[in-house]
Amino acid sequence: MKFFVVCLLLLLPVGLFAQEYGDSLSHHQIGFSASSISSYGITYSYIFNPTYRIKSTVFGLYEDHGAYSDWTGILGLEFEATLESGQMTRFYGFLGGSFYKYVDNNHSYYSYNNEDDFALGFGIGFEVLLWKHIVINLDLGAEYWSFKHYDFDGPYITKYFGPAGGIGINYRF
């Protein structure tokens, strides 16, 4: 609950400086995204021009359980190129990737778990302006995904190539 309150407080001042949607191009978007290619978390997009933009995704979590602690860190990046656009919609191609790191230090049981995950992918996406500055997007594509799990028994590696998808909601300013 605290997380959502902090995010709301951070987004409210942004509205004061926001531009109306129309002929002038807003160059920034901030929001939330969940994608099997560029990961999940808080996203920021910079719009270079009507054709090209870049989107970064970050997420982090640290938990202290007394006898042990664990943490998760995620970084994602996506490059987008507009294929076709209208007044309220945009159809685009994208290329992206992400890196996920999880570490579990259980000091009382002398165990150690570590996970590394990375994904690379490409696809097409569709973006719709819902209301003034609120934009949603849907991505479909393909990805290569590699997952490595390390513990005291050794590494386990899983690899995957197949369909991928994502969805997001952003505030454009």
C-alpha atoms as a PDB file:
ATOM      1  CA  MET A   1       0.000   0.000   0.000  1.00  0.00           C
ATOM      2  CA  LYS A   2       2.848   2.399   0.836  1.00  0.00           C
ATOM      3  CA  PHE A   3       4.350   1.712  -2.587  1.00  0.00           C
ATOM      4  CA  PHE A   4       1.192   2.861  -4.400  1.00  0.00           C
ATOM      5  CA  VAL A   5       0.854   5.991  -2.239  1.00  0.00           C
ATOM      6  CA  VAL A   6       4.469   6.976  -2.963  1.00  0.00           C
ATOM      7  CA  CYS A   7       3.949   6.398  -6.711  1.00  0.00           C
ATOM      8  CA  LEU A   8       0.794   8.530  -6.668  1.00  0.00           C
ATOM      9  CA  LEU A   9       2.583  11.360  -4.862  1.00  0.00           C
ATOM     10  CA  LEU A  10       5.398  11.217  -7.422  1.00  0.00           C
ATOM     11  CA  LEU A  11       3.009  11.274 -10.388  1.00  0.00           C
ATOM     12  CA  LEU A  12       0.733  14.119  -9.223  1.00  0.00           C
ATOM     13  CA  PRO A  13       3.231  16.972  -9.819  1.00  0.00           C
ATOM     14  CA  VAL A  14       3.940  15.610 -13.291  1.00  0.00           C
ATOM     15  CA  GLY A  15       0.396  16.545 -14.308  1.00  0.00           C
ATOM     16  CA  LEU A  16       1.081  20.212 -13.628  1.00  0.00           C
ATOM     17  CA  PHE A  17       3.696  20.317 -16.387  1.00  0.00           C
ATOM     18  CA  ALA A  18       1.965  17.955 -18.822  1.00  0.00           C
ATOM     19  CA  GLN A  19       1.160  18.968 -22.382  1.00  0.00           C
ATOM     20  CA  GLU A  20      -2.198  18.376 -24.029  1.00  0.00           C
ATOM     21  CA  TYR A  21      -2.242  15.573 -26.580  1.00  0.00           C
ATOM     22  CA  GLY A  22      -2.278  16.894 -30.111  1.00  0.00           C
ATOM     23  CA  ASP A  23       0.212  18.225 -32.621  1.00  0.00           C
ATOM     24  CA  SER A  24       2.938  18.960 -30.056  1.00  0.00           C
ATOM     25  CA  LEU A  25       4.797  15.808 -29.097  1.00  0.00           C
ATOM     26  CA  SER A  26       5.153  14.892 -25.438  1.00  0.00           C
ATOM     27  CA  HIS A  27       8.610  13.414 -24.921  1.00  0.00           C
ATOM     28  CA  HIS A  28       8.184  11.395 -21.701  1.00  0.00           C
ATOM     29  CA  GLN A  29       6.080   8.550 -20.343  1.00  0.00           C
ATOM     30  CA  ILE A  30       6.144   6.967 -16.901  1.00  0.00           C
ATOM     31  CA  GLY A  31       4.087   4.023 -15.702  1.00  0.00           C
ATOM     32  CA  PHE A  32       3.940   0.322 -14.971  1.00  0.00           C
ATOM     33  CA  SER A  33       4.689  -2.554 -17.314  1.00  0.00           C
ATOM     34  CA  ALA A  34       4.737  -6.336 -17.289  1.00  0.00           C
ATOM     35  CA  SER A  35       6.588  -7.980 -20.170  1.00  0.00           C
ATOM     36  CA  SER A  36       8.288 -11.323 -20.593  1.00  0.00           C
ATOM     37  CA  ILE A  37      10.931  -9.576 -22.740  1.00  0.00           C
ATOM     38  CA  SER A  38      11.694  -6.239 -21.045  1.00  0.00           C
ATOM     39  CA  SER A  39      10.486  -7.410 -17.600  1.00  0.00           C
ATOM     40  CA  TYR A  40       8.072  -5.928 -15.087  1.00  0.00           C
ATOM     41  CA  GLY A  41       8.235  -2.854 -12.910  1.00  0.00           C
ATOM     42  CA  ILE A  42       8.212   0.914 -13.165  1.00  0.00           C
ATOM     43  CA  THR A  43       8.856   2.130 -16.705  1.00  0.00           C
ATOM     44  CA  TYR A  44      10.166   5.346 -18.168  1.00  0.00           C
ATOM     45  CA  SER A  45      10.051   6.064 -21.901  1.00  0.00           C
ATOM     46  CA  TYR A  46      11.814   8.831 -23.758  1.00  0.00           C
ATOM     47  CA  ILE A  47      10.255   9.744 -27.106  1.00  0.00           C
ATOM     48  CA  PHE A  48      12.971  11.050 -29.428  1.00  0.00           C
ATOM     49  CA  ASN A  49      10.561  11.881 -32.265  1.00  0.00           C
ATOM     50  CA  PRO A  50       7.300  10.439 -33.649  1.00  0.00           C
ATOM     51  CA  THR A  51       9.210   7.408 -34.992  1.00  0.00           C
ATOM     52  CA  TYR A  52      11.748   6.334 -32.334  1.00  0.00           C
ATOM     53  CA  ARG A  53      11.660   5.874 -28.566  1.00  0.00           C
ATOM     54  CA  ILE A  54      13.441   3.972 -25.813  1.00  0.00           C
ATOM     55  CA  LYS A  55      11.855   2.428 -22.715  1.00  0.00           C
ATOM     56  CA  SER A  56      13.589   1.338 -19.511  1.00  0.00           C
ATOM     57  CA  THR A  57      12.064  -0.810 -16.772  1.00  0.00           C
ATOM     58  CA  VAL A  58      13.347  -1.167 -13.202  1.00  0.00           C
ATOM     59  CA  PHE A  59      12.258  -3.135 -10.154  1.00  0.00           C
ATOM     60  CA  GLY A  60      13.995  -3.831  -6.855  1.00  0.00           C
ATOM     61  CA  LEU A  61      13.059  -5.501  -3.603  1.00  0.00           C
ATOM     62  CA  TYR A  62      15.054  -6.233  -0.451  1.00  0.00           C
ATOM     63  CA  GLU A  63      13.624  -8.287   2.412  1.00  0.00           C
ATOM     64  CA  ASP A  64      15.255  -8.832   5.800  1.00  0.00           C
ATOM     65  CA  HIS A  65      13.818 -11.896   7.543  1.00  0.00           C
ATOM     66  CA  GLY A  66      16.004 -11.696  10.638  1.00  0.00           C
ATOM     67  CA  ALA A  67      17.999 -14.910  10.235  1.00  0.00           C
ATOM     68  CA  TYR A  68      18.348 -14.398   6.487  1.00  0.00           C
ATOM     69  CA  SER A  69      17.719 -11.844   3.750  1.00  0.00           C
ATOM     70  CA  ASP A  70      16.944 -11.876   0.065  1.00  0.00           C
ATOM     71  CA  TRP A  71      16.877  -9.338  -2.703  1.00  0.00           C
ATOM     72  CA  THR A  72      15.654  -9.052  -6.266  1.00  0.00           C
ATOM     73  CA  GLY A  73      16.829  -6.633  -8.943  1.00  0.00           C
ATOM     74  CA  ILE A  74      15.500  -6.247 -12.488  1.00  0.00           C
ATOM     75  CA  LEU A  75      16.597  -4.023 -15.384  1.00  0.00           C
ATOM     76  CA  GLY A  76      14.906  -3.967 -18.781  1.00  0.00           C
ATOM     77  CA  LEU A  77      15.411  -1.980 -21.985  1.00  0.00           C
ATOM     78  CA  GLU A  78      13.328  -1.721 -25.139  1.00  0.00           C
ATOM     79  CA  PHE A  79      13.825   0.142 -28.429  1.00  0.00           C
ATOM     80  CA  GLU A  80      10.659   0.971 -30.380  1.00  0.00           C
ATOM     81  CA  ALA A  81      10.116   2.141 -33.968  1.00  0.00           C
ATOM     82  CA  THR A  82       6.692   3.362 -35.093  1.00  0.00           C
ATOM     83  CA  LEU A  83       5.347   1.523 -38.131  1.00  0.00           C
ATOM     84  CA  GLU A  84       1.991   3.325 -38.392  1.00  0.00           C
ATOM     85  CA  SER A  85       0.251   5.901 -36.219  1.00  0.00           C
ATOM     86  CA  GLY A  86      -3.023   7.766 -36.012  1.00  0.00           C
ATOM     87  CA  GLN A  87      -4.477  10.466 -33.787  1.00  0.00           C
ATOM     88  CA  MET A  88      -5.083   8.061 -30.851  1.00  0.00           C
ATOM     89  CA  THR A  89      -3.209   4.850 -31.804  1.00  0.00           C
ATOM     90  CA  ARG A  90       0.277   3.677 -32.669  1.00  0.00           C
ATOM     91  CA  PHE A  91       1.486   0.396 -34.183  1.00  0.00           C
ATOM     92  CA  TYR A  92       5.210  -0.290 -33.606  1.00  0.00           C
ATOM     93  CA  GLY A  93       8.002  -2.830 -33.813  1.00  0.00           C
ATOM     94  CA  PHE A  94      10.345  -3.358 -30.884  1.00  0.00           C
ATOM     95  CA  LEU A  95      13.580  -5.036 -29.812  1.00  0.00           C
ATOM     96  CA  GLY A  96      14.271  -5.521 -26.104  1.00  0.00           C
ATOM     97  CA  GLY A  97      15.927  -7.371 -23.301  1.00  0.00           C
ATOM     98  CA  SER A  98      16.092  -7.693 -19.533  1.00  0.00           C
ATOM     99  CA  PHE A  99      18.257  -8.982 -16.713  1.00  0.00           C
ATOM    100  CA  TYR A 100      16.892 -10.427 -13.459  1.00  0.00           C
ATOM    101  CA  LYS A 101      18.949 -11.206 -10.342  1.00  0.00           C
ATOM    102  CA  TYR A 102      17.723 -12.946  -7.177  1.00  0.00           C
ATOM    103  CA  VAL A 103      19.875 -13.738  -4.129  1.00  0.00           C
ATOM    104  CA  ASP A 104      18.636 -15.597  -1.044  1.00  0.00           C
ATOM    105  CA  ASN A 105      21.090 -15.697   1.877  1.00  0.00           C
ATOM    106  CA  ASN A 106      19.767 -18.074   4.504  1.00  0.00           C
ATOM    107  CA  HIS A 107      22.421 -17.807   7.222  1.00  0.00           C
ATOM    108  CA  SER A 108      20.762 -20.070   9.802  1.00  0.00           C
ATOM    109  CA  TYR A 109      20.562 -23.124   7.492  1.00  0.00           C
ATOM    110  CA  TYR A 110      23.829 -22.504   5.623  1.00  0.00           C
ATOM    111  CA  SER A 111      22.145 -22.451   2.269  1.00  0.00           C
ATOM    112  CA  TYR A 112      22.606 -20.071  -0.608  1.00  0.00           C
ATOM    113  CA  ASN A 113      20.348 -19.598  -3.609  1.00  0.00           C
ATOM    114  CA  ASN A 114      21.164 -17.367  -6.537  1.00  0.00           C
ATOM    115  CA  GLU A 115      19.226 -16.928  -9.774  1.00  0.00           C
ATOM    116  CA  ASP A 116      20.237 -15.144 -12.969  1.00  0.00           C
ATOM    117  CA  ASP A 117      17.764 -14.678 -15.760  1.00  0.00           C
ATOM    118  CA  PHE A 118      18.052 -12.786 -19.007  1.00  0.00           C
ATOM    119  CA  ALA A 119      15.749 -12.390 -21.974  1.00  0.00           C
ATOM    120  CA  LEU A 120      16.161 -11.012 -25.490  1.00  0.00           C
ATOM    121  CA  GLY A 121      13.249 -10.576 -27.846  1.00  0.00           C
ATOM    122  CA  PHE A 122      11.462  -8.739 -30.614  1.00  0.00           C
ATOM    123  CA  GLY A 123       7.904  -8.193 -31.753  1.00  0.00           C
ATOM    124  CA  ILE A 124       5.111  -5.796 -32.563  1.00  0.00           C
ATOM    125  CA  GLY A 125       3.074  -3.612 -30.270  1.00  0.00           C
ATOM    126  CA  PHE A 126      -0.104  -1.586 -30.252  1.00  0.00           C
ATOM    127  CA  GLU A 127      -0.562   1.585 -28.181  1.00  0.00           C
ATOM    128  CA  VAL A 128      -3.833   3.424 -27.494  1.00  0.00           C
ATOM    129  CA  LEU A 129      -4.361   6.845 -25.936  1.00  0.00           C
ATOM    130  CA  LEU A 130      -7.233   6.201 -23.513  1.00  0.00           C
ATOM    131  CA  TRP A 131      -7.797   9.620 -22.022  1.00  0.00           C
ATOM    132  CA  LYS A 132      -5.765  12.825 -22.336  1.00  0.00           C
ATOM    133  CA  HIS A 133      -2.355  11.557 -21.089  1.00  0.00           C
ATOM    134  CA  ILE A 134      -3.143   7.927 -20.182  1.00  0.00           C
ATOM    135  CA  VAL A 135      -1.697   5.408 -22.653  1.00  0.00           C
ATOM    136  CA  ILE A 136      -1.943   1.598 -22.645  1.00  0.00           C
ATOM    137  CA  ASN A 137       0.093  -0.795 -24.758  1.00  0.00           C
ATOM    138  CA  LEU A 138       0.024  -4.456 -25.716  1.00  0.00           C
ATOM    139  CA  ASP A 139       3.100  -6.296 -27.064  1.00  0.00           C
ATOM    140  CA  LEU A 140       3.344  -9.652 -28.835  1.00  0.00           C
ATOM    141  CA  GLY A 141       6.526 -11.270 -30.041  1.00  0.00           C
ATOM    142  CA  ALA A 142       9.168 -13.938 -29.570  1.00  0.00           C
ATOM    143  CA  GLU A 143      11.922 -14.262 -26.980  1.00  0.00           C
ATOM    144  CA  TYR A 144      15.039 -16.175 -26.062  1.00  0.00           C
ATOM    145  CA  TRP A 145      15.160 -16.699 -22.306  1.00  0.00           C
ATOM    146  CA  SER A 146      17.943 -18.192 -20.169  1.00  0.00           C
ATOM    147  CA  PHE A 147      17.499 -19.034 -16.497  1.00  0.00           C
ATOM    148  CA  LYS A 148      20.375 -20.084 -14.215  1.00  0.00           C
ATOM    149  CA  HIS A 149      19.793 -21.287 -10.665  1.00  0.00           C
ATOM    150  CA  TYR A 150      22.793 -21.778  -8.375  1.00  0.00           C
ATOM    151  CA  ASP A 151      22.856 -23.445  -4.970  1.00  0.00           C
ATOM    152  CA  PHE A 152      25.238 -25.746  -3.088  1.00  0.00           C
ATOM    153  CA  ASP A 153      24.316 -28.637  -5.418  1.00  0.00           C
ATOM    154  CA  GLY A 154      25.545 -26.731  -8.466  1.00  0.00           C
ATOM    155  CA  PRO A 155      24.075 -24.731 -11.311  1.00  0.00           C
ATOM    156  CA  TYR A 156      20.880 -25.626 -13.166  1.00  0.00           C
ATOM    157  CA  ILE A 157      20.362 -23.996 -16.541  1.00  0.00           C
ATOM    158  CA  THR A 158      17.080 -23.701 -18.457  1.00  0.00           C
ATOM    159  CA  LYS A 159      16.777 -22.160 -21.922  1.00  0.00           C
ATOM    160  CA  TYR A 160      13.648 -21.275 -23.843  1.00  0.00           C
ATOM    161  CA  PHE A 161      12.669 -19.790 -27.202  1.00  0.00           C
ATOM    162  CA  GLY A 162       9.038 -19.074 -27.889  1.00  0.00           C
ATOM    163  CA  PRO A 163       6.149 -16.622 -27.782  1.00  0.00           C
ATOM    164  CA  ALA A 164       6.264 -13.557 -25.549  1.00  0.00           C
ATOM    165  CA  GLY A 165       3.950 -10.760 -24.543  1.00  0.00           C
ATOM    166  CA  GLY A 166       3.543  -7.673 -22.448  1.00  0.00           C
ATOM    167  CA  ILE A 167       1.131  -5.010 -21.295  1.00  0.00           C
ATOM    168  CA  GLY A 168       1.596  -1.563 -19.792  1.00  0.00           C
ATOM    169  CA  ILE A 169      -0.113   1.602 -18.656  1.00  0.00           C
ATOM    170  CA  ASN A 170       1.697   4.947 -18.798  1.00  0.00           C
ATOM    171  CA  TYR A 171       1.238   8.634 -18.196  1.00  0.00           C
ATOM    172  CA  ARG A 172       2.523  10.815 -21.060  1.00  0.00           C
ATOM    173  CA  PHE A 173       3.935  14.269 -20.326  1.00  0.00           C
END
